[in-house]
């Protein structure tokens, strides 16, 4: 469970920190993934799409840097 301490009544800062921690932990992604059942073949297709997308993103950033 993610915990954030509110200091000096600064709720906005604590909320921002809470959101960042949740994104880092992947909590929201996990909740969305568990909302509905996905067939094993569909999981494989989505994983392949993600891998292609990530490799293209890395290639773009490599070409920009080089």
Protein backbone atom coordinates (compact mmCIF):
# COMPACT_ATOMS: atom_id res chain seq x y z
CA UNK A 1 0.00 0.00 0.00
CA UNK A 2 1.29 3.41 -0.95
CA UNK A 3 1.63 5.86 1.92
CA UNK A 4 2.26 9.59 1.70
CA UNK A 5 2.75 11.95 4.61
CA UNK A 6 1.03 15.35 4.42
CA UNK A 7 3.42 17.98 5.75
CA UNK A 8 2.35 21.44 6.90
CA UNK A 9 -1.16 20.89 5.52
CA UNK A 10 0.17 20.81 1.93
CA UNK A 11 -2.35 18.39 0.44
CA UNK A 12 -1.60 19.28 -3.19
CA UNK A 13 2.03 18.27 -2.86
CA UNK A 14 1.08 15.05 -1.08
CA UNK A 15 -1.46 14.21 -3.80
CA UNK A 16 1.14 14.81 -6.52
CA UNK A 17 3.60 12.55 -4.68
CA UNK A 18 0.91 9.89 -4.26
CA UNK A 19 0.10 9.92 -7.98
CA UNK A 20 3.79 9.66 -8.90
CA UNK A 21 4.28 6.70 -6.57
CA UNK A 22 1.24 4.93 -8.01
CA UNK A 23 2.50 5.41 -11.56
CA UNK A 24 5.94 4.14 -10.57
CA UNK A 25 4.45 1.07 -8.87
CA UNK A 26 2.21 0.36 -11.87
CA UNK A 27 -0.88 0.11 -9.68
CA UNK A 28 -3.27 1.78 -12.12
CA UNK A 29 -2.03 -0.38 -15.01
CA UNK A 30 -2.61 -3.50 -12.91
CA UNK A 31 -6.15 -2.45 -12.00
CA UNK A 32 -7.03 -1.77 -15.64
CA UNK A 33 -5.52 -5.10 -16.66
CA UNK A 34 -7.62 -7.00 -14.13
CA UNK A 35 -10.90 -5.30 -15.05
CA UNK A 36 -11.72 -7.91 -17.68
CA UNK A 37 -10.56 -11.34 -18.80
CA UNK A 38 -8.16 -11.50 -21.72
CA UNK A 39 -7.60 -14.70 -23.68
CA UNK A 40 -4.02 -16.02 -23.79
CA UNK A 41 -3.77 -15.40 -27.54
CA UNK A 42 -4.96 -11.85 -27.09
CA UNK A 43 -2.32 -11.34 -24.37
CA UNK A 44 0.38 -12.54 -26.76
CA UNK A 45 -0.82 -10.21 -29.52
CA UNK A 46 -0.86 -7.24 -27.16
CA UNK A 47 2.59 -8.11 -25.82
CA UNK A 48 3.92 -8.31 -29.37
CA UNK A 49 2.39 -4.93 -30.23
CA UNK A 50 3.94 -3.39 -27.12
CA UNK A 51 7.34 -4.89 -27.95
CA UNK A 52 7.19 -3.47 -31.48
CA UNK A 53 6.13 -0.07 -30.16
CA UNK A 54 8.93 -0.03 -27.56
CA UNK A 55 11.58 -1.08 -30.07
CA UNK A 56 10.49 1.68 -32.47
CA UNK A 57 10.58 4.20 -29.62
CA UNK A 58 14.10 3.10 -28.63
CA UNK A 59 15.25 3.24 -32.24
CA UNK A 60 13.88 6.79 -32.62
CA UNK A 61 15.61 7.98 -29.45
CA UNK A 62 18.85 6.27 -30.53
CA UNK A 63 18.72 7.98 -33.94
CA UNK A 64 18.01 11.35 -32.34
CA UNK A 65 20.91 11.01 -29.91
CA UNK A 66 23.40 9.70 -32.49
